[in-house]
Amino acid sequence: MASETKLAAGLQYWIKCKELQVKLNSKISLALVAGMLGSWTACGAPVTSPGYSYVKSLGGIDEYRLDSNGLDVLLVENHSAPVTTFMVTYRVGSRNEVIGTTGSTHLLEHMMFKGSTNFNDAKGNSVKQYLESVGGAYNANTWLDRTTYFAEVGNEFLEGYMAVEADRMRNLLLREDDRRPEMTVVRNEFEIGENDPVRALDKEIFASAYEAHPYHHSTIGWRSDIEKVPIEKLRAFYDTFYWPDNSTVSVIGDFKPETALALVKKYYGSYSRAPNAIPVVYTEEPAQTGPRRVEVRRAGQLGVVGISYKSPAASDANMPALQVLGSILASGKTSRFYRALTDKNLTTEVSADPGFFHDPSLFQIYAYLAPGVGHEQVEKVLREELARVVKDGVTDAEVSTAVQKISADLAYSRDGTLAVAGTLVEWIAAGDWTLYSTYPESIRKVTAADVNRVAAKYLTETQSTTGWFVPVVTP
């Protein structure tokens, strides 16, 4: 039975590789393939490693699961340089917070650098001390759907970093004496955001657009929650979400699969699954019944107009067409908003972002007003251009230009182990890492009819939230 299972897994892997090769050989230039795939390892047979179940492979990425605790492991080989990026992604973000604990995911991310039982400043081997001693490039970040810790190191230091990272999964010290000073650091980040016109406006737009879903509150959290959350609440949050079966480990770069899997098992295999089921976010945002408006008046120099529309989850089949629509509207000097606004000195810049999250999000348009230009005028032009797209549609030439731009951006975003990690993590957070491999092809398949369909579906006034940032010039 074991040999039959391995044979079936190998056959599945070979089929997936052949499917990828067919896609790559069809209507894709060699330059684009080289740019997107670089020296990433070609498909081969999946390895057999004791204690693991092979799950699937696609686009040079192999997925395994640690049998003892459900830890997901992704292996992405690239032998062009002797470096490896190791990344741990916890499937917890601000969408998992409730009133009273907003900002806890982000504050906990900061606390993760304050030491664990076996690796801390007092012993001289904390994660910061270790990575700085070996010249590692490291960081962590929190977003709506996930929290991620990662470092790029010379491959001889992979085991050392993995040992430190694994220890803080379950052995974090979480001391009140660390929370108090770290809270002031996070509060300072909060205040920086409050003084940024776009970030302040963005927070108000999300808070108005979402009434029920936890995307309502920003990742940084509300000031009072940041200041007052007890250390016991942070401990409970940590003990709820920081478990192997709620995380994905990614090893990207120059390594041997057998060695990487053995190391992951060595340092993570002693942990159990979460003792209780990981809480599921089941709240769905009710249908919006009419347009909403917000206005932010604060110190500043130039105004901003933002218009946001409800958009689907990142994994939705309409996302590629929406991204092409965003490019047609706002990417480069040939875009519609540039010609209608920036080229006429009404704005300094206009952006259009379809959103990219686990749950339905917002297609966001931001116009940054030129000096002396009124909000009403810019909003009027934005709405006229949006109505024109819905009514008359886009051209094949516009779609072709947008697809080429996005394809180039995707290729550059995958250049190097850190870049791959930074892109792959968003698909992990969205709920399906395989879309990392299939998304470029989905972009290339977008047609003008697809863009026209999604424009008509999503750019509707009843599903919009409009915001103005009105600067108050202080003497």
Protein backbone atom coordinates (compact mmCIF):
# COMPACT_ATOMS: atom_id res chain seq x y z
CA MET A 1 0.00 0.00 0.00
CA ALA A 2 2.83 2.40 0.87
CA SER A 3 4.52 1.82 -2.50
CA GLU A 4 1.21 2.34 -4.31
CA THR A 5 0.69 5.62 -2.47
CA LYS A 6 4.18 6.84 -3.38
CA LEU A 7 3.64 5.79 -6.99
CA ALA A 8 0.33 7.68 -7.14
CA ALA A 9 1.95 10.75 -5.61
CA GLY A 10 4.80 10.62 -8.08
CA LEU A 11 2.41 10.24 -11.01
CA GLN A 12 0.35 13.22 -9.80
CA TYR A 13 3.54 15.25 -9.50
CA TRP A 14 4.70 14.30 -13.02
CA ILE A 15 1.30 15.20 -14.50
CA LYS A 16 1.36 18.60 -12.79
CA CYS A 17 4.86 19.23 -14.12
CA LYS A 18 3.83 18.34 -17.64
CA GLU A 19 0.77 20.61 -17.36
CA LEU A 20 3.05 23.45 -16.32
CA GLN A 21 5.45 22.77 -19.20
CA VAL A 22 2.60 22.83 -21.71
CA LYS A 23 1.44 26.16 -20.33
CA LEU A 24 4.94 27.59 -20.45
CA ASN A 25 5.46 26.46 -24.04
CA SER A 26 2.17 27.96 -25.18
CA LYS A 27 2.03 31.62 -26.21
CA ILE A 28 4.68 32.77 -23.74
CA SER A 29 7.95 34.33 -24.86
CA LEU A 30 11.19 32.78 -23.68
CA ALA A 31 12.15 36.12 -22.15
CA LEU A 32 9.01 36.18 -20.04
CA VAL A 33 9.53 32.61 -18.89
CA ALA A 34 13.12 33.41 -17.96
CA GLY A 35 12.04 36.50 -16.10
CA MET A 36 9.31 34.73 -14.19
CA LEU A 37 11.02 31.47 -13.38
CA GLY A 38 14.71 32.40 -13.45
CA SER A 39 16.72 29.44 -12.17
CA TRP A 40 13.96 27.94 -10.03
CA THR A 41 14.35 24.21 -10.00
CA ALA A 42 12.52 22.22 -12.65
CA CYS A 43 10.04 19.60 -11.62
CA GLY A 44 11.34 16.32 -10.28
CA ALA A 45 9.99 13.47 -8.21
CA PRO A 46 8.74 14.34 -4.70
CA VAL A 47 10.96 13.09 -1.91
CA THR A 48 9.91 10.58 0.70
CA SER A 49 10.61 11.73 4.24
CA PRO A 50 9.62 9.86 7.41
CA GLY A 51 6.82 11.56 9.32
CA TYR A 52 5.52 13.52 6.33
CA SER A 53 2.66 13.18 3.91
CA TYR A 54 3.23 14.51 0.40
CA VAL A 55 0.32 16.79 -0.53
CA LYS A 56 0.85 18.29 -3.99
CA SER A 57 3.21 20.18 -6.28
CA LEU A 58 2.81 22.96 -8.81
CA GLY A 59 5.13 25.41 -10.51
CA GLY A 60 8.26 24.23 -8.74
CA ILE A 61 6.65 24.31 -5.27
CA ASP A 62 6.23 21.11 -3.28
CA GLU A 63 3.82 20.86 -0.35
CA TYR A 64 4.21 18.40 2.51
CA ARG A 65 2.40 18.01 5.83
CA LEU A 66 4.01 16.96 9.10
CA ASP A 67 1.87 14.05 10.23
CA SER A 68 2.29 14.56 13.97
CA ASN A 69 0.89 18.09 14.17
CA GLY A 70 -0.47 19.20 10.79
CA LEU A 71 2.27 21.75 10.02
CA ASP A 72 2.19 22.75 6.34
CA VAL A 73 5.59 22.84 4.61
CA LEU A 74 6.31 24.43 1.22
CA LEU A 75 9.65 23.80 -0.50
CA VAL A 76 10.80 26.12 -3.32
CA GLU A 77 14.27 25.25 -4.65
CA ASN A 78 16.61 27.75 -6.32
CA HIS A 79 20.32 26.97 -6.52
CA SER A 80 21.47 30.19 -8.20
CA ALA A 81 23.00 31.53 -4.96
CA PRO A 82 23.98 29.92 -1.64
CA VAL A 83 21.19 31.61 0.32
CA THR A 84 17.88 30.42 1.72
CA THR A 85 14.82 32.26 2.95
CA PHE A 86 12.94 30.58 5.78
CA MET A 87 9.43 31.91 6.41
CA VAL A 88 6.73 31.06 8.93
CA THR A 89 3.20 32.25 8.17
CA TYR A 90 0.56 32.09 10.88
CA ARG A 91 -3.00 32.19 9.60
CA VAL A 92 -4.01 34.94 11.98
CA GLY A 93 -4.40 38.65 11.29
CA SER A 94 -6.56 41.54 12.31
CA ARG A 95 -9.61 39.74 10.88
CA ASN A 96 -9.30 37.40 13.89
CA GLU A 97 -9.59 40.22 16.42
CA VAL A 98 -12.61 41.59 18.26
CA ILE A 99 -13.28 44.85 20.05
CA GLY A 100 -10.97 45.01 23.06
CA THR A 101 -8.18 43.12 21.31
CA THR A 102 -7.82 45.14 18.09
CA GLY A 103 -4.15 45.50 17.26
CA SER A 104 -3.24 42.41 19.30
CA THR A 105 -1.90 40.54 16.27
CA HIS A 106 0.47 43.39 15.52
CA LEU A 107 1.50 43.94 19.14
CA LEU A 108 2.14 40.21 19.48
CA GLU A 109 4.35 40.36 16.40
CA HIS A 110 6.49 42.93 18.23
CA MET A 111 6.53 40.80 21.38
CA MET A 112 7.84 37.84 19.38
CA PHE A 113 11.21 39.61 19.24
CA LYS A 114 11.43 39.91 23.04
CA GLY A 115 12.72 36.42 23.59
CA SER A 116 11.66 32.81 24.11
CA THR A 117 12.66 30.25 26.70
CA ASN A 118 15.80 29.05 24.94
CA PHE A 119 16.69 32.09 22.84
CA ASN A 120 16.71 35.55 24.42
CA ASP A 121 18.84 38.63 25.01
CA ALA A 122 20.01 37.45 28.42
CA LYS A 123 21.55 34.35 26.84
CA GLY A 124 23.00 36.39 23.97
CA ASN A 125 21.23 34.27 21.36
CA SER A 126 17.90 36.03 20.70
CA VAL A 127 16.53 36.01 17.18
CA LYS A 128 17.85 39.54 16.58
CA GLN A 129 21.28 38.77 18.00
CA TYR A 130 21.60 35.54 16.05
CA LEU A 131 20.51 36.93 12.68
CA GLU A 132 22.65 40.04 13.03
CA SER A 133 25.66 37.90 13.92
CA VAL A 134 25.31 35.83 10.74
CA GLY A 135 24.37 38.74 8.48
CA GLY A 136 20.79 37.63 7.91
CA ALA A 137 18.18 39.92 6.37
CA TYR A 138 15.09 39.50 8.52
CA ASN A 139 11.76 41.05 9.37
CA ALA A 140 8.15 40.31 10.28
CA ASN A 141 4.83 41.84 9.33
CA THR A 142 1.15 41.61 10.14
CA TRP A 143 -1.77 42.16 7.83
CA LEU A 144 -5.50 41.51 7.71
CA ASP A 145 -5.26 37.74 7.21
CA ARG A 146 -1.81 36.63 8.38
CA THR A 147 1.34 37.23 10.42
CA THR A 148 4.70 36.38 8.89
CA TYR A 149 8.26 35.98 10.20
CA PHE A 150 11.13 35.49 7.76
CA ALA A 151 14.86 35.74 7.21
CA GLU A 152 17.25 35.26 4.31
CA VAL A 153 20.50 33.65 5.45
CA GLY A 154 23.49 31.86 4.01
CA ASN A 155 22.35 28.27 3.75
CA GLU A 156 24.88 27.16 6.38
CA PHE A 157 22.87 29.21 8.91
CA LEU A 158 19.45 27.82 8.01
CA GLU A 159 19.37 25.34 10.90
CA GLY A 160 20.42 27.99 13.42
CA TYR A 161 17.64 30.36 12.38
CA MET A 162 15.08 27.57 12.22
CA ALA A 163 15.88 26.57 15.79
CA VAL A 164 15.29 30.12 17.06
CA GLU A 165 12.12 30.60 15.01
CA ALA A 166 10.65 27.27 16.09
CA ASP A 167 11.28 27.98 19.76
CA ARG A 168 9.18 31.13 19.74
CA MET A 169 6.21 29.32 18.17
CA ARG A 170 5.34 27.84 21.58
CA ASN A 171 7.90 29.11 24.11
CA LEU A 172 7.51 32.89 23.91
CA LEU A 173 8.22 34.63 27.24
CA LEU A 174 5.45 37.29 26.91
CA ARG A 175 6.34 39.42 29.93
CA GLU A 176 4.50 42.50 31.15
CA ASP A 177 7.85 44.28 31.50
CA ASP A 178 8.27 43.87 27.74
CA ARG A 179 4.69 44.78 26.84
CA ARG A 180 4.78 48.26 28.41
CA PRO A 181 7.72 49.68 26.43
CA GLU A 182 6.73 47.84 23.24
CA MET A 183 3.23 49.30 23.50
CA THR A 184 4.73 52.79 23.17
CA VAL A 185 6.53 51.73 20.00
CA VAL A 186 3.27 50.45 18.49
CA ARG A 187 1.42 53.56 19.64
CA ASN A 188 4.03 55.66 17.86
CA GLU A 189 3.32 53.69 14.66
CA PHE A 190 -0.38 54.38 15.21
CA GLU A 191 0.29 58.13 15.50
CA ILE A 192 2.42 58.13 12.36
CA GLY A 193 -0.54 56.61 10.53
CA GLU A 194 -2.90 59.20 11.97
CA ASN A 195 -0.68 61.93 10.52
CA ASP A 196 -0.60 60.36 7.05
CA PRO A 197 -3.55 61.67 4.96
CA VAL A 198 -4.07 58.53 2.89
CA ARG A 199 -3.69 56.08 5.78
CA ALA A 200 -6.06 58.13 7.92
CA LEU A 201 -8.62 58.31 5.10
CA ASP A 202 -8.18 54.63 4.27
CA LYS A 203 -8.96 53.67 7.87
CA GLU A 204 -12.17 55.72 7.82
CA ILE A 205 -13.27 54.28 4.47
CA PHE A 206 -12.80 50.68 5.66
CA ALA A 207 -14.59 51.47 8.93
CA SER A 208 -17.55 52.83 6.97
CA ALA A 209 -17.57 50.22 4.19
CA TYR A 210 -17.56 47.32 6.69
CA GLU A 211 -20.18 47.21 9.41
CA ALA A 212 -20.04 43.57 10.52
CA HIS A 213 -16.89 41.97 9.10
CA PRO A 214 -13.68 42.50 11.11
CA TYR A 215 -12.01 44.20 8.14
CA HIS A 216 -13.86 47.11 9.74
CA HIS A 217 -10.88 47.85 12.00
CA SER A 218 -7.33 48.45 10.82
CA THR A 219 -4.43 46.14 11.57
CA ILE A 220 -2.79 48.70 13.84
CA GLY A 221 -5.91 48.66 16.05
CA TRP A 222 -7.64 51.38 18.04
CA ARG A 223 -5.49 53.51 20.33
CA SER A 224 -7.25 52.51 23.56
CA ASP A 225 -6.88 48.79 22.76
CA ILE A 226 -3.17 49.27 21.98
CA GLU A 227 -2.61 51.06 25.27
CA LYS A 228 -4.74 48.95 27.58
CA VAL A 229 -4.73 45.35 26.34
CA PRO A 230 -3.61 43.18 29.30
CA ILE A 231 -0.69 40.79 28.92
CA GLU A 232 -3.14 37.98 29.75
CA LYS A 233 -5.14 38.84 26.62
CA LEU A 234 -2.01 38.69 24.50
CA ARG A 235 -1.12 35.34 26.06
CA ALA A 236 -4.60 34.00 25.31
CA PHE A 237 -4.32 35.25 21.72
CA TYR A 238 -0.92 33.58 21.34
CA ASP A 239 -2.17 30.33 22.86
CA THR A 240 -5.15 30.32 20.51
CA PHE A 241 -3.42 30.86 17.16
CA TYR A 242 0.31 30.09 17.37
CA TRP A 243 0.26 26.35 16.66
CA PRO A 244 1.70 24.14 13.91
CA ASP A 245 -1.69 23.31 12.41
CA ASN A 246 -2.43 27.03 11.97
CA SER A 247 0.82 27.81 10.18
CA THR A 248 2.83 27.24 7.03
CA VAL A 249 6.60 26.94 6.90
CA SER A 250 8.22 27.90 3.58
CA VAL A 251 11.82 27.08 2.66
CA ILE A 252 12.93 29.01 -0.43
CA GLY A 253 16.34 28.91 -2.11
CA ASP A 254 19.44 26.72 -2.03
CA PHE A 255 18.79 23.54 -0.03
CA LYS A 256 18.23 19.82 -0.36
CA PRO A 257 14.57 18.82 0.17
CA GLU A 258 15.46 15.84 2.35
CA THR A 259 17.64 18.00 4.58
CA ALA A 260 15.06 20.79 4.86
CA LEU A 261 12.27 18.41 5.79
CA ALA A 262 14.44 16.68 8.38
CA LEU A 263 15.30 20.04 9.99
CA VAL A 264 11.67 21.15 10.09
CA LYS A 265 10.71 17.89 11.75
CA LYS A 266 13.61 18.21 14.21
CA TYR A 267 12.58 21.65 15.42
CA TYR A 268 8.80 21.66 14.96
CA GLY A 269 7.96 17.99 15.34
CA SER A 270 7.85 18.08 19.15
CA TYR A 271 4.84 20.41 19.17
CA SER A 272 1.31 19.07 19.23
CA ARG A 273 -1.66 20.29 17.29
CA ALA A 274 -3.68 23.09 18.87
CA PRO A 275 -5.49 21.67 21.90
CA ASN A 276 -8.68 23.41 20.78
CA ALA A 277 -10.07 24.06 17.32
CA ILE A 278 -8.70 27.24 15.76
CA PRO A 279 -11.59 29.77 15.76
CA VAL A 280 -13.10 30.30 12.33
CA VAL A 281 -14.14 33.76 11.11
CA TYR A 282 -17.70 33.15 9.96
CA THR A 283 -19.05 36.71 9.96
CA GLU A 284 -20.06 37.86 6.50
CA GLU A 285 -20.56 41.49 5.57
CA PRO A 286 -24.25 42.11 4.78
CA ALA A 287 -25.12 43.54 1.39
CA GLN A 288 -24.62 47.28 1.20
CA THR A 289 -27.88 49.08 0.43
CA GLY A 290 -26.59 52.46 -0.71
CA PRO A 291 -23.55 54.67 -1.19
CA ARG A 292 -21.65 55.85 1.88
CA ARG A 293 -19.47 58.92 2.48
CA VAL A 294 -16.84 59.92 5.01
CA GLU A 295 -14.73 63.03 5.45
CA VAL A 296 -11.48 63.45 7.34
CA ARG A 297 -10.38 66.97 8.29
CA ARG A 298 -6.88 67.12 9.72
CA ALA A 299 -3.65 69.05 9.39
CA GLY A 300 -2.16 68.58 5.94
CA GLN A 301 -1.19 70.23 2.70
CA LEU A 302 -3.05 68.57 -0.18
CA GLY A 303 -6.44 66.92 -0.48
CA VAL A 304 -7.29 63.35 -1.42
CA VAL A 305 -10.41 61.81 -2.96
CA GLY A 306 -11.00 58.10 -2.45
CA ILE A 307 -13.73 55.95 -3.99
CA SER A 308 -13.96 52.30 -2.95
CA TYR A 309 -16.22 49.55 -4.26
CA LYS A 310 -16.92 46.14 -2.76
CA SER A 311 -14.71 43.56 -4.49
CA PRO A 312 -14.28 39.76 -4.25
CA ALA A 313 -11.73 37.71 -2.34
CA ALA A 314 -8.24 37.32 -3.81
CA SER A 315 -8.96 33.73 -4.82
CA ASP A 316 -12.09 34.69 -6.79
CA ALA A 317 -12.01 33.96 -10.52
CA ASN A 318 -12.81 37.62 -11.25
CA MET A 319 -9.66 38.94 -9.57
CA PRO A 320 -7.36 38.81 -12.65
CA ALA A 321 -9.84 40.85 -14.70
CA LEU A 322 -10.21 43.35 -11.86
CA GLN A 323 -6.45 43.75 -11.66
CA VAL A 324 -6.32 44.41 -15.41
CA LEU A 325 -9.13 46.96 -14.96
CA GLY A 326 -7.11 48.70 -12.25
CA SER A 327 -4.10 48.91 -14.56
CA ILE A 328 -6.18 50.33 -17.41
CA LEU A 329 -7.57 52.99 -15.10
CA ALA A 330 -4.44 54.10 -13.28
CA SER A 331 -1.15 52.49 -14.37
CA GLY A 332 1.19 54.73 -16.33
CA LYS A 333 0.81 57.71 -18.63
CA THR A 334 -1.49 55.86 -21.03
CA SER A 335 -4.02 55.09 -18.28
CA ARG A 336 -7.44 56.71 -18.31
CA PHE A 337 -7.11 58.54 -15.00
CA TYR A 338 -3.70 59.92 -15.97
CA ARG A 339 -5.05 61.38 -19.21
CA ALA A 340 -8.21 62.73 -17.59
CA LEU A 341 -6.67 64.11 -14.38
CA THR A 342 -2.90 64.10 -13.95
CA ASP A 343 -2.10 65.19 -17.49
CA LYS A 344 -4.45 68.14 -16.95
CA ASN A 345 -2.77 69.17 -13.67
CA LEU A 346 -5.79 68.22 -11.57
CA THR A 347 -3.96 65.49 -9.63
CA THR A 348 -0.39 64.53 -8.86
CA GLU A 349 -1.21 60.82 -9.00
CA VAL A 350 -4.14 58.40 -9.15
CA SER A 351 -4.06 54.75 -8.03
CA ALA A 352 -6.50 51.87 -8.47
CA ASP A 353 -6.10 48.72 -6.37
CA PRO A 354 -8.56 45.79 -6.52
CA GLY A 355 -7.74 44.54 -3.00
CA PHE A 356 -6.10 41.19 -2.34
CA PHE A 357 -7.36 39.45 0.78
CA HIS A 358 -8.86 36.20 2.09
CA ASP A 359 -12.39 37.62 2.25
CA PRO A 360 -14.23 40.06 -0.03
CA SER A 361 -12.50 43.42 0.11
CA LEU A 362 -12.48 46.81 -1.63
CA PHE A 363 -11.50 48.01 -5.08
CA GLN A 364 -9.90 51.29 -4.04
CA ILE A 365 -9.26 54.39 -6.12
CA TYR A 366 -7.25 57.27 -4.66
CA ALA A 367 -6.71 60.61 -6.38
CA TYR A 368 -4.11 62.97 -4.89
CA LEU A 369 -5.16 66.54 -5.62
CA ALA A 370 -2.82 69.08 -7.19
CA PRO A 371 -2.44 72.39 -5.32
CA GLY A 372 -5.48 74.63 -5.60
CA VAL A 373 -7.76 71.93 -7.08
CA GLY A 374 -11.11 71.22 -5.44
CA HIS A 375 -12.41 67.84 -4.28
CA GLU A 376 -15.69 68.25 -6.16
CA GLN A 377 -13.96 68.71 -9.51
CA VAL A 378 -11.73 65.66 -9.14
CA GLU A 379 -14.53 63.42 -7.86
CA LYS A 380 -16.70 64.49 -10.81
CA VAL A 381 -14.00 63.53 -13.34
CA LEU A 382 -13.35 60.20 -11.57
CA ARG A 383 -17.02 59.29 -11.70
CA GLU A 384 -17.30 60.31 -15.35
CA GLU A 385 -14.37 58.06 -16.27
CA LEU A 386 -15.77 55.17 -14.25
CA ALA A 387 -19.20 55.57 -15.87
CA ARG A 388 -17.54 55.61 -19.29
CA VAL A 389 -15.79 52.31 -18.57
CA VAL A 390 -19.03 50.69 -17.45
CA LYS A 391 -21.01 52.08 -20.42
CA ASP A 392 -18.54 51.81 -23.30
CA GLY A 393 -16.09 49.19 -22.06
CA VAL A 394 -12.36 48.88 -22.69
CA THR A 395 -10.43 48.09 -25.85
CA ASP A 396 -8.37 45.05 -26.75
CA ALA A 397 -5.32 47.30 -27.01
CA GLU A 398 -5.82 48.58 -23.45
CA VAL A 399 -6.13 45.03 -22.16
CA SER A 400 -3.00 43.91 -24.01
CA THR A 401 -0.96 46.80 -22.56
CA ALA A 402 -2.24 46.13 -19.04
CA VAL A 403 -1.54 42.40 -19.26
CA GLN A 404 2.04 43.07 -20.36
CA LYS A 405 2.59 45.51 -17.48
CA ILE A 406 1.16 43.16 -14.87
CA SER A 407 3.09 40.18 -16.26
CA ALA A 408 6.33 42.16 -16.04
CA ASP A 409 5.52 43.23 -12.47
CA LEU A 410 4.80 39.62 -11.50
CA ALA A 411 8.13 38.52 -12.96
CA TYR A 412 10.08 41.16 -11.07
CA SER A 413 8.21 40.35 -7.87
CA ARG A 414 9.64 36.81 -8.01
CA ASP A 415 13.30 37.73 -8.46
CA GLY A 416 15.18 36.33 -5.46
CA THR A 417 14.26 34.26 -2.43
CA LEU A 418 12.99 37.19 -0.33
CA ALA A 419 10.88 38.43 -3.24
CA VAL A 420 9.36 35.00 -3.75
CA ALA A 421 8.57 34.79 -0.03
CA GLY A 422 6.94 38.21 -0.06
CA THR A 423 4.67 37.22 -2.96
CA LEU A 424 3.96 33.64 -1.94
CA VAL A 425 2.84 34.66 1.55
CA GLU A 426 -0.12 36.63 0.18
CA TRP A 427 -1.46 33.54 -1.59
CA ILE A 428 -0.94 31.48 1.56
CA ALA A 429 -2.96 34.12 3.42
CA ALA A 430 -5.62 34.11 0.70
CA GLY A 431 -6.13 30.40 1.35
CA ASP A 432 -4.60 28.74 -1.73
CA TRP A 433 -0.86 28.91 -2.39
CA THR A 434 -1.23 27.20 -5.78
CA LEU A 435 -2.63 30.43 -7.17
CA TYR A 436 0.91 31.78 -6.91
CA SER A 437 1.77 29.44 -9.78
CA THR A 438 -1.42 29.77 -11.82
CA TYR A 439 -2.10 33.51 -11.44
CA PRO A 440 0.30 34.70 -14.19
CA GLU A 441 -1.47 32.47 -16.70
CA SER A 442 -4.86 33.72 -15.46
CA ILE A 443 -3.72 37.29 -16.11
CA ARG A 444 -2.63 36.42 -19.65
CA LYS A 445 -6.05 34.94 -20.39
CA VAL A 446 -8.00 38.11 -19.49
CA THR A 447 -10.00 39.56 -22.38
CA ALA A 448 -11.76 42.87 -22.93
CA ALA A 449 -15.06 41.06 -22.39
CA ASP A 450 -13.86 39.89 -18.97
CA VAL A 451 -12.87 43.42 -17.95
CA ASN A 452 -16.17 44.88 -19.16
CA ARG A 453 -18.09 42.23 -17.24
CA VAL A 454 -16.35 42.88 -13.91
CA ALA A 455 -16.53 46.65 -14.37
CA ALA A 456 -20.30 46.44 -14.76
CA LYS A 457 -20.58 44.04 -11.83
CA TYR A 458 -18.43 45.81 -9.24
CA LEU A 459 -18.34 49.52 -10.13
CA THR A 460 -21.84 50.17 -8.85
CA GLU A 461 -22.74 53.24 -6.80
CA THR A 462 -24.78 51.32 -4.23
CA GLN A 463 -21.64 49.37 -3.31
CA SER A 464 -19.39 52.42 -3.02
CA THR A 465 -17.84 54.31 -0.13
CA THR A 466 -16.44 57.74 -0.97
CA GLY A 467 -14.02 59.62 1.25
CA TRP A 468 -12.37 63.01 1.21
CA PHE A 469 -9.26 64.04 3.07
CA VAL A 470 -9.64 67.79 3.56
CA PRO A 471 -6.41 69.38 4.81
CA VAL A 472 -6.62 71.89 7.61
CA VAL A 473 -3.69 74.22 7.12
CA THR A 474 -2.37 75.36 10.48
CA PRO A 475 -0.65 78.76 10.74
